[in-house]
Amino acid sequence: LPLAQEGWCSIHAVISEEQLWERIERLKAIGAEGILVLALENMI
């Protein structure tokens, strides 16, 4: 999704807990900011 700030976007994704921290470290390395991790109640 586009952000109001020019040149930035928001990404939403579902990740397994096993991969979570390894993926977050890689994302931070390419400039990801404001990372939120939320519990997933149901996935249909």
PDB file of all heavy atoms in Angstrom:
ATOM      1  N   LEU A   1       0.845  -1.195   0.000  1.00  0.00           N
ATOM      2  CA  LEU A   1       0.000   0.000   0.000  1.00  0.00           C
ATOM      3  C   LEU A   1       0.880   1.245   0.000  1.00  0.00           C
ATOM      4  O   LEU A   1       1.917   1.266   0.665  1.00  0.00           O
ATOM      5  CB  LEU A   1      -0.907   0.019   1.228  1.00  0.00           C
ATOM      6  CG  LEU A   1      -1.873  -1.168   1.403  1.00  0.00           C
ATOM      7  CD1 LEU A   1      -2.553  -1.091   2.755  1.00  0.00           C
ATOM      8  CD2 LEU A   1      -2.905  -1.173   0.288  1.00  0.00           C
ATOM      9  N   PRO A   2       0.470   2.306  -0.720  1.00  0.00           N
ATOM     10  CA  PRO A   2       1.269   3.541  -0.719  1.00  0.00           C
ATOM     11  C   PRO A   2       1.093   4.306   0.591  1.00  0.00           C
ATOM     12  O   PRO A   2       0.024   4.263   1.205  1.00  0.00           O
ATOM     13  CB  PRO A   2       0.679   4.326  -1.902  1.00  0.00           C
ATOM     14  CG  PRO A   2      -0.727   3.833  -2.022  1.00  0.00           C
ATOM     15  CD  PRO A   2      -0.699   2.389  -1.620  1.00  0.00           C
ATOM     16  N   LEU A   3       2.136   4.978   1.022  1.00  0.00           N
ATOM     17  CA  LEU A   3       2.065   5.859   2.181  1.00  0.00           C
ATOM     18  C   LEU A   3       1.915   7.305   1.720  1.00  0.00           C
ATOM     19  O   LEU A   3       2.252   7.650   0.579  1.00  0.00           O
ATOM     20  CB  LEU A   3       3.316   5.716   3.041  1.00  0.00           C
ATOM     21  CG  LEU A   3       3.513   4.376   3.760  1.00  0.00           C
ATOM     22  CD1 LEU A   3       4.801   4.419   4.569  1.00  0.00           C
ATOM     23  CD2 LEU A   3       2.330   4.049   4.653  1.00  0.00           C
ATOM     24  N   ALA A   4       1.438   8.160   2.641  1.00  0.00           N
ATOM     25  CA  ALA A   4       1.308   9.579   2.315  1.00  0.00           C
ATOM     26  C   ALA A   4       2.669  10.202   2.039  1.00  0.00           C
ATOM     27  O   ALA A   4       2.792  11.119   1.231  1.00  0.00           O
ATOM     28  CB  ALA A   4       0.603  10.314   3.458  1.00  0.00           C
ATOM     29  N   GLN A   5       3.698   9.686   2.698  1.00  0.00           N
ATOM     30  CA  GLN A   5       5.049  10.200   2.473  1.00  0.00           C
ATOM     31  C   GLN A   5       5.580   9.705   1.139  1.00  0.00           C
ATOM     32  O   GLN A   5       5.599   8.504   0.868  1.00  0.00           O
ATOM     33  CB  GLN A   5       5.976   9.746   3.607  1.00  0.00           C
ATOM     34  CG  GLN A   5       7.385  10.306   3.498  1.00  0.00           C
ATOM     35  CD  GLN A   5       8.245   9.912   4.679  1.00  0.00           C
ATOM     36  OE1 GLN A   5       7.754   9.398   5.667  1.00  0.00           O
ATOM     37  NE2 GLN A   5       9.541  10.171   4.566  1.00  0.00           N
ATOM     38  N   GLU A   6       5.978  10.593   0.302  1.00  0.00           N
ATOM     39  CA  GLU A   6       6.448  10.266  -1.043  1.00  0.00           C
ATOM     40  C   GLU A   6       7.651   9.311  -0.964  1.00  0.00           C
ATOM     41  O   GLU A   6       8.577   9.495  -0.175  1.00  0.00           O
ATOM     42  CB  GLU A   6       6.865  11.559  -1.777  1.00  0.00           C
ATOM     43  CG  GLU A   6       7.239  11.355  -3.216  1.00  0.00           C
ATOM     44  CD  GLU A   6       6.058  10.964  -4.084  1.00  0.00           C
ATOM     45  OE1 GLU A   6       4.909  11.336  -3.732  1.00  0.00           O
ATOM     46  OE2 GLU A   6       6.269  10.278  -5.108  1.00  0.00           O
ATOM     47  N   GLY A   7       7.608   8.286  -1.825  1.00  0.00           N
ATOM     48  CA  GLY A   7       8.731   7.361  -1.920  1.00  0.00           C
ATOM     49  C   GLY A   7       8.690   6.207  -0.940  1.00  0.00           C
ATOM     50  O   GLY A   7       9.625   5.401  -0.895  1.00  0.00           O
ATOM     51  N   TRP A   8       7.605   6.116  -0.155  1.00  0.00           N
ATOM     52  CA  TRP A   8       7.494   5.046   0.836  1.00  0.00           C
ATOM     53  C   TRP A   8       6.214   4.238   0.613  1.00  0.00           C
ATOM     54  O   TRP A   8       5.235   4.729   0.062  1.00  0.00           O
ATOM     55  CB  TRP A   8       7.493   5.606   2.259  1.00  0.00           C
ATOM     56  CG  TRP A   8       8.863   6.023   2.714  1.00  0.00           C
ATOM     57  CD1 TRP A   8       9.552   7.142   2.350  1.00  0.00           C
ATOM     58  CD2 TRP A   8       9.706   5.289   3.600  1.00  0.00           C
ATOM     59  NE1 TRP A   8      10.780   7.183   2.950  1.00  0.00           N
ATOM     60  CE2 TRP A   8      10.904   6.049   3.743  1.00  0.00           C
ATOM     61  CE3 TRP A   8       9.600   4.106   4.296  1.00  0.00           C
ATOM     62  CZ2 TRP A   8      11.965   5.642   4.531  1.00  0.00           C
ATOM     63  CZ3 TRP A   8      10.644   3.691   5.111  1.00  0.00           C
ATOM     64  CH2 TRP A   8      11.819   4.454   5.214  1.00  0.00           C
ATOM     65  N   CYS A   9       6.247   2.984   1.058  1.00  0.00           N
ATOM     66  CA  CYS A   9       5.066   2.129   0.973  1.00  0.00           C
ATOM     67  C   CYS A   9       4.951   1.286   2.244  1.00  0.00           C
ATOM     68  O   CYS A   9       5.900   1.193   3.032  1.00  0.00           O
ATOM     69  CB  CYS A   9       5.114   1.226  -0.252  1.00  0.00           C
ATOM     70  SG  CYS A   9       6.522   0.091  -0.273  1.00  0.00           S
ATOM     71  N   SER A  10       3.797   0.693   2.426  1.00  0.00           N
ATOM     72  CA  SER A  10       3.560  -0.202   3.561  1.00  0.00           C
ATOM     73  C   SER A  10       3.369  -1.619   3.027  1.00  0.00           C
ATOM     74  O   SER A  10       2.670  -1.823   2.032  1.00  0.00           O
ATOM     75  CB  SER A  10       2.305   0.237   4.325  1.00  0.00           C
ATOM     76  OG  SER A  10       1.986  -0.693   5.344  1.00  0.00           O
ATOM     77  N   ILE A  11       4.011  -2.563   3.674  1.00  0.00           N
ATOM     78  CA  ILE A  11       3.907  -3.966   3.254  1.00  0.00           C
ATOM     79  C   ILE A  11       3.250  -4.779   4.374  1.00  0.00           C
ATOM     80  O   ILE A  11       3.601  -4.631   5.544  1.00  0.00           O
ATOM     81  CB  ILE A  11       5.298  -4.567   2.944  1.00  0.00           C
ATOM     82  CG1 ILE A  11       5.963  -3.796   1.812  1.00  0.00           C
ATOM     83  CG2 ILE A  11       5.178  -6.037   2.574  1.00  0.00           C
ATOM     84  CD1 ILE A  11       7.324  -4.346   1.450  1.00  0.00           C
ATOM     85  N   HIS A  12       2.292  -5.624   3.995  1.00  0.00           N
ATOM     86  CA  HIS A  12       1.615  -6.519   4.928  1.00  0.00           C
ATOM     87  C   HIS A  12       1.847  -7.950   4.448  1.00  0.00           C
ATOM     88  O   HIS A  12       1.663  -8.251   3.263  1.00  0.00           O
ATOM     89  CB  HIS A  12       0.111  -6.245   4.968  1.00  0.00           C
ATOM     90  CG  HIS A  12      -0.244  -4.850   5.360  1.00  0.00           C
ATOM     91  ND1 HIS A  12      -1.373  -4.550   6.097  1.00  0.00           N
ATOM     92  CD2 HIS A  12       0.357  -3.651   5.133  1.00  0.00           C
ATOM     93  CE1 HIS A  12      -1.447  -3.253   6.298  1.00  0.00           C
ATOM     94  NE2 HIS A  12      -0.396  -2.680   5.712  1.00  0.00           N
ATOM     95  N   ALA A  13       2.208  -8.837   5.372  1.00  0.00           N
ATOM     96  CA  ALA A  13       2.466 -10.223   4.973  1.00  0.00           C
ATOM     97  C   ALA A  13       2.246 -11.157   6.160  1.00  0.00           C
ATOM     98  O   ALA A  13       2.228 -10.727   7.317  1.00  0.00           O
ATOM     99  CB  ALA A  13       3.898 -10.377   4.447  1.00  0.00           C
ATOM    100  N   VAL A  14       2.069 -12.430   5.851  1.00  0.00           N
ATOM    101  CA  VAL A  14       1.942 -13.477   6.864  1.00  0.00           C
ATOM    102  C   VAL A  14       3.212 -14.326   6.831  1.00  0.00           C
ATOM    103  O   VAL A  14       3.627 -14.781   5.770  1.00  0.00           O
ATOM    104  CB  VAL A  14       0.706 -14.365   6.607  1.00  0.00           C
ATOM    105  CG1 VAL A  14       0.657 -15.533   7.593  1.00  0.00           C
ATOM    106  CG2 VAL A  14      -0.574 -13.540   6.692  1.00  0.00           C
ATOM    107  N   ILE A  15       3.836 -14.506   8.016  1.00  0.00           N
ATOM    108  CA  ILE A  15       5.094 -15.248   8.105  1.00  0.00           C
ATOM    109  C   ILE A  15       4.970 -16.290   9.210  1.00  0.00           C
ATOM    110  O   ILE A  15       4.371 -16.032  10.258  1.00  0.00           O
ATOM    111  CB  ILE A  15       6.274 -14.321   8.460  1.00  0.00           C
ATOM    112  CG1 ILE A  15       6.296 -13.075   7.581  1.00  0.00           C
ATOM    113  CG2 ILE A  15       7.594 -15.053   8.357  1.00  0.00           C
ATOM    114  CD1 ILE A  15       7.387 -12.099   7.935  1.00  0.00           C
ATOM    115  N   SER A  16       5.570 -17.445   9.000  1.00  0.00           N
ATOM    116  CA  SER A  16       5.593 -18.458  10.050  1.00  0.00           C
ATOM    117  C   SER A  16       6.538 -18.004  11.155  1.00  0.00           C
ATOM    118  O   SER A  16       7.529 -17.300  10.907  1.00  0.00           O
ATOM    119  CB  SER A  16       6.043 -19.810   9.492  1.00  0.00           C
ATOM    120  OG  SER A  16       7.410 -19.777   9.160  1.00  0.00           O
ATOM    121  N   GLU A  17       6.236 -18.417  12.386  1.00  0.00           N
ATOM    122  CA  GLU A  17       7.079 -18.046  13.529  1.00  0.00           C
ATOM    123  C   GLU A  17       8.506 -18.544  13.352  1.00  0.00           C
ATOM    124  O   GLU A  17       9.453 -17.888  13.793  1.00  0.00           O
ATOM    125  CB  GLU A  17       6.488 -18.634  14.812  1.00  0.00           C
ATOM    126  CG  GLU A  17       5.259 -17.899  15.300  1.00  0.00           C
ATOM    127  CD  GLU A  17       4.731 -18.457  16.606  1.00  0.00           C
ATOM    128  OE1 GLU A  17       4.765 -19.691  16.773  1.00  0.00           O
ATOM    129  OE2 GLU A  17       4.296 -17.647  17.440  1.00  0.00           O
ATOM    130  N   GLU A  18       8.671 -19.685  12.700  1.00  0.00           N
ATOM    131  CA  GLU A  18      10.008 -20.240  12.502  1.00  0.00           C
ATOM    132  C   GLU A  18      10.885 -19.331  11.656  1.00  0.00           C
ATOM    133  O   GLU A  18      12.093 -19.266  11.834  1.00  0.00           O
ATOM    134  CB  GLU A  18       9.902 -21.616  11.834  1.00  0.00           C
ATOM    135  CG  GLU A  18       9.248 -22.681  12.705  1.00  0.00           C
ATOM    136  CD  GLU A  18       9.110 -23.992  11.972  1.00  0.00           C
ATOM    137  OE1 GLU A  18       9.377 -24.033  10.754  1.00  0.00           O
ATOM    138  OE2 GLU A  18       8.728 -24.989  12.608  1.00  0.00           O
ATOM    139  N   GLN A  19      10.273 -18.617  10.712  1.00  0.00           N
ATOM    140  CA  GLN A  19      11.030 -17.758   9.801  1.00  0.00           C
ATOM    141  C   GLN A  19      11.052 -16.303  10.242  1.00  0.00           C
ATOM    142  O   GLN A  19      11.791 -15.501   9.678  1.00  0.00           O
ATOM    143  CB  GLN A  19      10.420 -17.822   8.394  1.00  0.00           C
ATOM    144  CG  GLN A  19      10.422 -19.201   7.762  1.00  0.00           C
ATOM    145  CD  GLN A  19       9.724 -19.193   6.413  1.00  0.00           C
ATOM    146  OE1 GLN A  19       8.770 -18.445   6.194  1.00  0.00           O
ATOM    147  NE2 GLN A  19      10.207 -20.019   5.500  1.00  0.00           N
ATOM    148  N   LEU A  20      10.247 -15.949  11.257  1.00  0.00           N
ATOM    149  CA  LEU A  20       9.963 -14.552  11.571  1.00  0.00           C
ATOM    150  C   LEU A  20      11.215 -13.703  11.769  1.00  0.00           C
ATOM    151  O   LEU A  20      11.415 -12.702  11.067  1.00  0.00           O
ATOM    152  CB  LEU A  20       9.080 -14.488  12.821  1.00  0.00           C
ATOM    153  CG  LEU A  20       8.699 -13.079  13.282  1.00  0.00           C
ATOM    154  CD1 LEU A  20       7.819 -12.392  12.250  1.00  0.00           C
ATOM    155  CD2 LEU A  20       7.991 -13.133  14.633  1.00  0.00           C
ATOM    156  N   TRP A  21      12.076 -14.069  12.705  1.00  0.00           N
ATOM    157  CA  TRP A  21      13.180 -13.179  13.057  1.00  0.00           C
ATOM    158  C   TRP A  21      14.243 -13.120  11.970  1.00  0.00           C
ATOM    159  O   TRP A  21      14.813 -12.046  11.715  1.00  0.00           O
ATOM    160  CB  TRP A  21      13.781 -13.594  14.401  1.00  0.00           C
ATOM    161  CG  TRP A  21      12.797 -13.382  15.502  1.00  0.00           C
ATOM    162  CD1 TRP A  21      12.112 -14.320  16.209  1.00  0.00           C
ATOM    163  CD2 TRP A  21      12.332 -12.109  15.967  1.00  0.00           C
ATOM    164  NE1 TRP A  21      11.248 -13.718  17.096  1.00  0.00           N
ATOM    165  CE2 TRP A  21      11.373 -12.365  16.976  1.00  0.00           C
ATOM    166  CE3 TRP A  21      12.643 -10.785  15.654  1.00  0.00           C
ATOM    167  CZ2 TRP A  21      10.708 -11.348  17.661  1.00  0.00           C
ATOM    168  CZ3 TRP A  21      11.985  -9.764  16.326  1.00  0.00           C
ATOM    169  CH2 TRP A  21      11.026 -10.056  17.316  1.00  0.00           C
ATOM    170  N   GLU A  22      14.468 -14.223  11.287  1.00  0.00           N
ATOM    171  CA  GLU A  22      15.430 -14.201  10.183  1.00  0.00           C
ATOM    172  C   GLU A  22      14.950 -13.266   9.082  1.00  0.00           C
ATOM    173  O   GLU A  22      15.730 -12.479   8.515  1.00  0.00           O
ATOM    174  CB  GLU A  22      15.623 -15.639   9.666  1.00  0.00           C
ATOM    175  CG  GLU A  22      16.633 -15.771   8.529  1.00  0.00           C
ATOM    176  CD  GLU A  22      15.982 -15.700   7.144  1.00  0.00           C
ATOM    177  OE1 GLU A  22      14.772 -15.968   7.064  1.00  0.00           O
ATOM    178  OE2 GLU A  22      16.691 -15.359   6.182  1.00  0.00           O
ATOM    179  N   ARG A  23      13.646 -13.291   8.774  1.00  0.00           N
ATOM    180  CA  ARG A  23      13.103 -12.415   7.728  1.00  0.00           C
ATOM    181  C   ARG A  23      13.127 -10.947   8.172  1.00  0.00           C
ATOM    182  O   ARG A  23      13.430 -10.052   7.371  1.00  0.00           O
ATOM    183  CB  ARG A  23      11.670 -12.837   7.380  1.00  0.00           C
ATOM    184  CG  ARG A  23      11.543 -14.249   6.814  1.00  0.00           C
ATOM    185  CD  ARG A  23      12.226 -14.389   5.460  1.00  0.00           C
ATOM    186  NE  ARG A  23      12.223 -15.759   4.999  1.00  0.00           N
ATOM    187  CZ  ARG A  23      11.330 -16.276   4.152  1.00  0.00           C
ATOM    188  NH1 ARG A  23      10.370 -15.515   3.671  1.00  0.00           N
ATOM    189  NH2 ARG A  23      11.413 -17.531   3.777  1.00  0.00           N
ATOM    190  N   ILE A  24      12.813 -10.694   9.434  1.00  0.00           N
ATOM    191  CA  ILE A  24      12.809  -9.316   9.921  1.00  0.00           C
ATOM    192  C   ILE A  24      14.218  -8.723   9.851  1.00  0.00           C
ATOM    193  O   ILE A  24      14.402  -7.553   9.466  1.00  0.00           O
ATOM    194  CB  ILE A  24      12.250  -9.257  11.361  1.00  0.00           C
ATOM    195  CG1 ILE A  24      10.724  -9.440  11.318  1.00  0.00           C
ATOM    196  CG2 ILE A  24      12.618  -7.938  12.041  1.00  0.00           C
ATOM    197  CD1 ILE A  24      10.059  -9.466  12.665  1.00  0.00           C
ATOM    198  N   GLU A  25      15.220  -9.503  10.226  1.00  0.00           N
ATOM    199  CA  GLU A  25      16.597  -9.007  10.148  1.00  0.00           C
ATOM    200  C   GLU A  25      16.966  -8.639   8.716  1.00  0.00           C
ATOM    201  O   GLU A  25      17.612  -7.602   8.469  1.00  0.00           O
ATOM    202  CB  GLU A  25      17.546 -10.080  10.688  1.00  0.00           C
ATOM    203  CG  GLU A  25      17.455 -10.261  12.197  1.00  0.00           C
ATOM    204  CD  GLU A  25      18.163 -11.507  12.682  1.00  0.00           C
ATOM    205  OE1 GLU A  25      18.747 -12.231  11.829  1.00  0.00           O
ATOM    206  OE2 GLU A  25      18.136 -11.775  13.892  1.00  0.00           O
ATOM    207  N   ARG A  26      16.560  -9.459   7.755  1.00  0.00           N
ATOM    208  CA  ARG A  26      16.851  -9.169   6.344  1.00  0.00           C
ATOM    209  C   ARG A  26      16.097  -7.934   5.869  1.00  0.00           C
ATOM    210  O   ARG A  26      16.626  -7.132   5.084  1.00  0.00           O
ATOM    211  CB  ARG A  26      16.500 -10.379   5.487  1.00  0.00           C
ATOM    212  CG  ARG A  26      17.414 -11.575   5.720  1.00  0.00           C
ATOM    213  CD  ARG A  26      16.892 -12.829   5.052  1.00  0.00           C
ATOM    214  NE  ARG A  26      16.822 -12.683   3.591  1.00  0.00           N
ATOM    215  CZ  ARG A  26      16.244 -13.592   2.794  1.00  0.00           C
ATOM    216  NH1 ARG A  26      15.688 -14.688   3.318  1.00  0.00           N
ATOM    217  NH2 ARG A  26      16.224 -13.401   1.491  1.00  0.00           N
ATOM    218  N   LEU A  27      14.875  -7.755   6.348  1.00  0.00           N
ATOM    219  CA  LEU A  27      14.082  -6.588   5.948  1.00  0.00           C
ATOM    220  C   LEU A  27      14.659  -5.306   6.534  1.00  0.00           C
ATOM    221  O   LEU A  27      14.704  -4.269   5.864  1.00  0.00           O
ATOM    222  CB  LEU A  27      12.627  -6.776   6.388  1.00  0.00           C
ATOM    223  CG  LEU A  27      11.864  -7.841   5.586  1.00  0.00           C
ATOM    224  CD1 LEU A  27      10.647  -8.314   6.349  1.00  0.00           C
ATOM    225  CD2 LEU A  27      11.463  -7.300   4.217  1.00  0.00           C
ATOM    226  N   LYS A  28      15.088  -5.361   7.784  1.00  0.00           N
ATOM    227  CA  LYS A  28      15.701  -4.183   8.383  1.00  0.00           C
ATOM    228  C   LYS A  28      16.970  -3.796   7.627  1.00  0.00           C
ATOM    229  O   LYS A  28      17.290  -2.617   7.472  1.00  0.00           O
ATOM    230  CB  LYS A  28      16.008  -4.449   9.866  1.00  0.00           C
ATOM    231  CG  LYS A  28      14.796  -4.386  10.768  1.00  0.00           C
ATOM    232  CD  LYS A  28      15.161  -4.625  12.228  1.00  0.00           C
ATOM    233  CE  LYS A  28      16.099  -3.562  12.762  1.00  0.00           C
ATOM    234  NZ  LYS A  28      15.444  -2.230  12.815  1.00  0.00           N
ATOM    235  N   ALA A  29      17.676  -4.807   7.138  1.00  0.00           N
ATOM    236  CA  ALA A  29      18.921  -4.532   6.419  1.00  0.00           C
ATOM    237  C   ALA A  29      18.687  -3.786   5.114  1.00  0.00           C
ATOM    238  O   ALA A  29      19.598  -3.120   4.610  1.00  0.00           O
ATOM    239  CB  ALA A  29      19.660  -5.851   6.147  1.00  0.00           C
ATOM    240  N   ILE A  30      17.467  -3.883   4.557  1.00  0.00           N
ATOM    241  CA  ILE A  30      17.190  -3.149   3.310  1.00  0.00           C
ATOM    242  C   ILE A  30      16.352  -1.897   3.560  1.00  0.00           C
ATOM    243  O   ILE A  30      15.807  -1.304   2.624  1.00  0.00           O
ATOM    244  CB  ILE A  30      16.500  -4.054   2.259  1.00  0.00           C
ATOM    245  CG1 ILE A  30      15.135  -4.535   2.741  1.00  0.00           C
ATOM    246  CG2 ILE A  30      17.396  -5.224   1.894  1.00  0.00           C
ATOM    247  CD1 ILE A  30      14.314  -5.235   1.655  1.00  0.00           C
ATOM    248  N   GLY A  31      16.209  -1.503   4.843  1.00  0.00           N
ATOM    249  CA  GLY A  31      15.582  -0.220   5.145  1.00  0.00           C
ATOM    250  C   GLY A  31      14.178  -0.267   5.706  1.00  0.00           C
ATOM    251  O   GLY A  31      13.533   0.780   5.847  1.00  0.00           O
ATOM    252  N   ALA A  32      13.648  -1.443   6.064  1.00  0.00           N
ATOM    253  CA  ALA A  32      12.308  -1.520   6.641  1.00  0.00           C
ATOM    254  C   ALA A  32      12.282  -0.828   7.998  1.00  0.00           C
ATOM    255  O   ALA A  32      13.214  -0.941   8.788  1.00  0.00           O
ATOM    256  CB  ALA A  32      11.872  -2.972   6.774  1.00  0.00           C
ATOM    257  N   GLU A  33      11.178  -0.101   8.254  1.00  0.00           N
ATOM    258  CA  GLU A  33      11.008   0.622   9.513  1.00  0.00           C
ATOM    259  C   GLU A  33       9.603   0.366  10.063  1.00  0.00           C
ATOM    260  O   GLU A  33       8.714  -0.080   9.344  1.00  0.00           O
ATOM    261  CB  GLU A  33      11.183   2.129   9.307  1.00  0.00           C
ATOM    262  CG  GLU A  33      12.552   2.546   8.825  1.00  0.00           C
ATOM    263  CD  GLU A  33      12.641   4.048   8.613  1.00  0.00           C
ATOM    264  OE1 GLU A  33      11.598   4.725   8.785  1.00  0.00           O
ATOM    265  OE2 GLU A  33      13.730   4.530   8.273  1.00  0.00           O
ATOM    266  N   GLY A  34       9.404   0.694  11.341  1.00  0.00           N
ATOM    267  CA  GLY A  34       8.074   0.606  11.943  1.00  0.00           C
ATOM    268  C   GLY A  34       7.450  -0.775  11.806  1.00  0.00           C
ATOM    269  O   GLY A  34       6.262  -0.904  11.492  1.00  0.00           O
ATOM    270  N   ILE A  35       8.236  -1.798  12.061  1.00  0.00           N
ATOM    271  CA  ILE A  35       7.763  -3.170  11.864  1.00  0.00           C
ATOM    272  C   ILE A  35       6.849  -3.576  13.024  1.00  0.00           C
ATOM    273  O   ILE A  35       7.236  -3.498  14.192  1.00  0.00           O
ATOM    274  CB  ILE A  35       8.948  -4.148  11.750  1.00  0.00           C
ATOM    275  CG1 ILE A  35       9.842  -3.744  10.568  1.00  0.00           C
ATOM    276  CG2 ILE A  35       8.460  -5.577  11.590  1.00  0.00           C
ATOM    277  CD1 ILE A  35      11.133  -4.532  10.483  1.00  0.00           C
ATOM    278  N   LEU A  36       5.635  -4.006  12.698  1.00  0.00           N
ATOM    279  CA  LEU A  36       4.682  -4.496  13.687  1.00  0.00           C
ATOM    280  C   LEU A  36       4.452  -5.987  13.458  1.00  0.00           C
ATOM    281  O   LEU A  36       4.268  -6.420  12.317  1.00  0.00           O
ATOM    282  CB  LEU A  36       3.335  -3.760  13.572  1.00  0.00           C
ATOM    283  CG  LEU A  36       3.344  -2.250  13.812  1.00  0.00           C
ATOM    284  CD1 LEU A  36       1.936  -1.700  13.655  1.00  0.00           C
ATOM    285  CD2 LEU A  36       3.879  -1.930  15.200  1.00  0.00           C
ATOM    286  N   VAL A  37       4.451  -6.758  14.533  1.00  0.00           N
ATOM    287  CA  VAL A  37       4.181  -8.199  14.467  1.00  0.00           C
ATOM    288  C   VAL A  37       2.928  -8.468  15.288  1.00  0.00           C
ATOM    289  O   VAL A  37       2.901  -8.200  16.495  1.00  0.00           O
ATOM    290  CB  VAL A  37       5.368  -9.024  15.003  1.00  0.00           C
ATOM    291  CG1 VAL A  37       5.052 -10.523  14.914  1.00  0.00           C
ATOM    292  CG2 VAL A  37       6.642  -8.701  14.229  1.00  0.00           C
ATOM    293  N   LEU A  38       1.893  -8.993  14.641  1.00  0.00           N
ATOM    294  CA  LEU A  38       0.603  -9.206  15.287  1.00  0.00           C
ATOM    295  C   LEU A  38       0.225 -10.681  15.306  1.00  0.00           C
ATOM    296  O   LEU A  38       0.599 -11.444  14.404  1.00  0.00           O
ATOM    297  CB  LEU A  38      -0.487  -8.423  14.550  1.00  0.00           C
ATOM    298  CG  LEU A  38      -0.237  -6.924  14.347  1.00  0.00           C
ATOM    299  CD1 LEU A  38      -1.372  -6.315  13.531  1.00  0.00           C
ATOM    300  CD2 LEU A  38      -0.109  -6.210  15.677  1.00  0.00           C
ATOM    301  N   ALA A  39      -0.505 -11.072  16.346  1.00  0.00           N
ATOM    302  CA  ALA A  39      -1.021 -12.448  16.410  1.00  0.00           C
ATOM    303  C   ALA A  39      -2.053 -12.638  15.311  1.00  0.00           C
ATOM    304  O   ALA A  39      -2.807 -11.715  14.961  1.00  0.00           O
ATOM    305  CB  ALA A  39      -1.642 -12.705  17.772  1.00  0.00           C
ATOM    306  N   LEU A  40      -2.098 -13.834  14.759  1.00  0.00           N
ATOM    307  CA  LEU A  40      -3.034 -14.164  13.686  1.00  0.00           C
ATOM    308  C   LEU A  40      -4.077 -15.120  14.246  1.00  0.00           C
ATOM    309  O   LEU A  40      -3.758 -16.241  14.642  1.00  0.00           O
ATOM    310  CB  LEU A  40      -2.296 -14.818  12.521  1.00  0.00           C
ATOM    311  CG  LEU A  40      -3.066 -15.018  11.224  1.00  0.00           C
ATOM    312  CD1 LEU A  40      -3.498 -13.689  10.628  1.00  0.00           C
ATOM    313  CD2 LEU A  40      -2.201 -15.768  10.222  1.00  0.00           C
ATOM    314  N   GLU A  41      -5.322 -14.672  14.318  1.00  0.00           N
ATOM    315  CA  GLU A  41      -6.372 -15.491  14.943  1.00  0.00           C
ATOM    316  C   GLU A  41      -6.858 -16.579  14.011  1.00  0.00           C
ATOM    317  O   GLU A  41      -6.926 -17.743  14.374  1.00  0.00           O
ATOM    318  CB  GLU A  41      -7.539 -14.612  15.376  1.00  0.00           C
ATOM    319  CG  GLU A  41      -8.607 -15.368  16.133  1.00  0.00           C
ATOM    320  CD  GLU A  41      -9.631 -14.454  16.771  1.00  0.00           C
ATOM    321  OE1 GLU A  41      -9.295 -13.284  17.035  1.00  0.00           O
ATOM    322  OE2 GLU A  41     -10.759 -14.906  16.997  1.00  0.00           O
ATOM    323  N   ASN A  42      -7.248 -16.230  12.798  1.00  0.00           N
ATOM    324  CA  ASN A  42      -7.717 -17.209  11.813  1.00  0.00           C
ATOM    325  C   ASN A  42      -7.170 -16.845  10.456  1.00  0.00           C
ATOM    326  O   ASN A  42      -6.997 -15.665  10.125  1.00  0.00           O
ATOM    327  CB  ASN A  42      -9.255 -17.235  11.732  1.00  0.00           C
ATOM    328  CG  ASN A  42      -9.878 -17.955  12.905  1.00  0.00           C
ATOM    329  OD1 ASN A  42      -9.378 -18.978  13.337  1.00  0.00           O
ATOM    330  ND2 ASN A  42     -10.957 -17.407  13.423  1.00  0.00           N
ATOM    331  N   MET A  43      -6.933 -17.858   9.632  1.00  0.00           N
ATOM    332  CA  MET A  43      -6.460 -17.643   8.263  1.00  0.00           C
ATOM    333  C   MET A  43      -7.347 -18.468   7.345  1.00  0.00           C
ATOM    334  O   MET A  43      -7.325 -19.699   7.383  1.00  0.00           O
ATOM    335  CB  MET A  43      -4.995 -18.049   8.120  1.00  0.00           C
ATOM    336  CG  MET A  43      -4.409 -17.727   6.754  1.00  0.00           C
ATOM    337  SD  MET A  43      -2.599 -17.866   6.761  1.00  0.00           S
ATOM    338  CE  MET A  43      -2.377 -19.615   7.059  1.00  0.00           C
ATOM    339  N   ILE A  44      -8.162 -17.778   6.542  1.00  0.00           N
ATOM    340  CA  ILE A  44      -9.113 -18.450   5.662  1.00  0.00           C
ATOM    341  C   ILE A  44      -8.621 -18.352   4.242  1.00  0.00           C
ATOM    342  O   ILE A  44      -8.455 -17.265   3.702  1.00  0.00           O
ATOM    343  CB  ILE A  44     -10.511 -17.805   5.805  1.00  0.00           C
ATOM    344  CG1 ILE A  44     -11.006 -17.946   7.250  1.00  0.00           C
ATOM    345  CG2 ILE A  44     -11.497 -18.460   4.836  1.00  0.00           C
ATOM    346  CD1 ILE A  44     -12.258 -17.179   7.552  1.00  0.00           C
TER     347      ILE A  44
END
